[in-house]
Amino acid sequence: QVQLVESGGGLVQAGGSLRLSCAASGRGFGYSAQAWLRQAPGKEREFVAAIHWSGGGPYYGDSVKGRFTISGDNAKNTVTLQMSSLQPEDTAVYYCAARPVASVTASQYPFWGQGTQVTVSS
C-alpha cells in the first residue's frame, strides 16, 4: 500500500511562490509514477504535474506549464512541486498521487494523500 503525506501549503499573495513536498512510503514496483493533483471548491480534481522515478517526464497540465516545476529525490522518496507566479485561480487543495504509469488524467490515480491547502490572494 502506498502512503503519501503532503506538506508546505499556505497563504501567498498573487505573484508569489510556494514549495510543496510529498513523502512517499510503501512504494513498490507497481507505483513508479508520482503526481500532483489539485481540486478547487466546486470543481473536479485537476492534473497538475507528474514524474517517473525511473526518469520519465516531467509532465505538466496546461494551466501550470512554465510556472510550476516537479522534481523527485529517489533516495529520500520525496517529490517536490515548486510553484511560482501563483495566481488566485491556483487556489485549491493540492494532493500528491501515485500510480504505476504517469497519466495526465487526474481520475486515473488510485492513491493520493490527505491534501494541503494552497490559497493565493489577489
Protein backbone atom coordinates (compact mmCIF):
# COMPACT_ATOMS: atom_id res chain seq x y z
CA GLN A 1 0.00 0.00 0.00
CA VAL A 2 1.28 3.44 -0.92
CA GLN A 3 1.21 6.17 1.71
CA LEU A 4 1.61 9.79 0.66
CA VAL A 5 1.94 12.76 3.02
CA GLU A 6 1.93 16.33 1.69
CA SER A 7 3.35 19.43 3.35
CA GLY A 8 4.13 23.04 2.50
CA GLY A 9 0.79 24.62 1.67
CA GLY A 10 -0.28 28.01 2.92
CA LEU A 11 -1.37 31.52 2.02
CA VAL A 12 0.55 33.60 -0.51
CA GLN A 13 -0.09 36.77 -2.47
CA ALA A 14 -0.55 36.71 -6.22
CA GLY A 15 2.80 36.58 -7.96
CA GLY A 16 4.41 34.74 -5.06
CA SER A 17 5.88 31.26 -4.72
CA LEU A 18 5.30 28.17 -2.64
CA ARG A 19 7.00 24.81 -2.40
CA LEU A 20 5.07 21.62 -1.73
CA SER A 21 6.63 18.33 -0.68
CA CYS A 22 5.31 14.78 -0.67
CA ALA A 23 6.83 11.96 1.34
CA ALA A 24 6.07 8.53 -0.10
CA SER A 25 6.29 5.22 1.71
CA GLY A 26 5.33 1.71 0.81
CA ARG A 27 6.20 2.38 -2.81
CA GLY A 28 6.79 -0.78 -4.75
CA PHE A 29 7.17 -1.89 -8.33
CA GLY A 30 3.60 -1.01 -9.20
CA TYR A 31 3.67 2.65 -8.28
CA SER A 32 6.57 4.25 -10.09
CA ALA A 33 4.84 7.46 -11.15
CA GLN A 34 4.04 10.28 -8.76
CA ALA A 35 1.98 13.31 -9.48
CA TRP A 36 0.39 16.42 -8.06
CA LEU A 37 -3.32 16.96 -8.50
CA ARG A 38 -5.48 19.81 -7.25
CA GLN A 39 -9.11 20.44 -6.53
CA ALA A 40 -10.74 23.83 -6.16
CA PRO A 41 -14.14 24.26 -4.49
CA GLY A 42 -16.93 23.18 -6.80
CA LYS A 43 -14.52 21.87 -9.45
CA GLU A 44 -13.28 18.46 -10.48
CA ARG A 45 -9.86 17.24 -9.48
CA GLU A 46 -7.27 18.53 -11.97
CA PHE A 47 -3.94 17.11 -13.10
CA VAL A 48 -1.02 19.44 -12.26
CA ALA A 49 2.26 17.58 -12.84
CA ALA A 50 3.79 14.10 -12.82
CA ILE A 51 7.17 12.44 -12.81
CA HIS A 52 8.53 8.87 -13.07
CA TRP A 53 11.06 7.60 -10.53
CA SER A 54 12.81 5.92 -13.48
CA GLY A 55 13.39 9.33 -15.06
CA GLY A 56 10.42 9.69 -17.38
CA GLY A 57 8.67 13.03 -17.65
CA PRO A 58 8.04 15.53 -16.27
CA TYR A 59 4.52 16.15 -17.46
CA TYR A 60 2.53 19.31 -16.76
CA GLY A 61 -1.03 20.46 -17.03
CA ASP A 62 -1.53 23.32 -19.50
CA SER A 63 -2.55 25.76 -16.77
CA VAL A 64 0.75 25.44 -14.89
CA LYS A 65 3.32 25.00 -17.66
CA GLY A 66 6.18 27.43 -17.29
CA ARG A 67 5.22 28.29 -13.69
CA PHE A 68 5.42 25.03 -11.76
CA THR A 69 8.30 22.56 -11.56
CA ILE A 70 8.07 18.98 -10.29
CA SER A 71 11.14 17.12 -9.10
CA GLY A 72 11.88 13.91 -7.25
CA ASP A 73 14.51 12.62 -4.86
CA ASN A 74 14.55 8.85 -5.24
CA ALA A 75 16.86 8.33 -2.29
CA LYS A 76 14.51 10.20 0.05
CA ASN A 77 11.27 9.07 -1.60
CA THR A 78 10.10 12.67 -1.85
CA VAL A 79 8.50 14.63 -4.66
CA THR A 80 8.52 18.41 -4.68
CA LEU A 81 6.34 20.90 -6.52
CA GLN A 82 7.87 24.37 -6.84
CA MET A 83 5.14 26.84 -7.68
CA SER A 84 5.93 30.31 -8.97
CA SER A 85 3.93 33.24 -10.33
CA LEU A 86 0.94 31.99 -8.36
CA GLN A 87 -2.47 33.37 -9.24
CA PRO A 88 -5.81 33.31 -7.38
CA GLU A 89 -7.03 30.61 -9.76
CA ASP A 90 -4.29 28.33 -8.39
CA THR A 91 -6.15 28.27 -5.07
CA ALA A 92 -7.04 24.65 -4.32
CA VAL A 93 -6.29 21.65 -2.18
CA TYR A 94 -3.20 20.04 -3.65
CA TYR A 95 -2.83 16.27 -3.49
CA CYS A 96 0.15 14.02 -4.02
CA ALA A 97 -0.84 10.95 -6.02
CA ALA A 98 0.69 7.74 -7.35
CA ARG A 99 0.03 5.11 -9.99
CA PRO A 100 2.12 2.60 -11.99
CA VAL A 101 2.48 4.79 -15.07
CA ALA A 102 2.13 8.56 -15.29
CA SER A 103 -1.17 9.87 -16.59
CA VAL A 104 -2.41 13.39 -17.26
CA THR A 105 -5.91 12.33 -16.21
CA ALA A 106 -6.46 13.02 -12.53
CA SER A 107 -9.15 10.38 -12.09
CA GLN A 108 -6.76 7.60 -13.09
CA TYR A 109 -4.68 7.96 -9.92
CA PRO A 110 -5.83 5.38 -7.35
CA PHE A 111 -3.68 6.63 -4.48
CA TRP A 112 -3.41 10.11 -3.06
CA GLY A 113 -2.59 11.83 0.23
CA GLN A 114 -4.74 13.90 2.56
CA GLY A 115 -4.02 17.12 0.66
CA THR A 116 -2.60 20.50 1.58
CA GLN A 117 -4.39 23.84 1.11
CA VAL A 118 -2.88 26.49 -1.12
CA THR A 119 -4.57 29.89 -1.07
CA VAL A 120 -3.49 32.71 -3.35
CA SER A 121 -4.83 36.15 -2.51
CA SER A 122 -5.24 38.89 -5.11
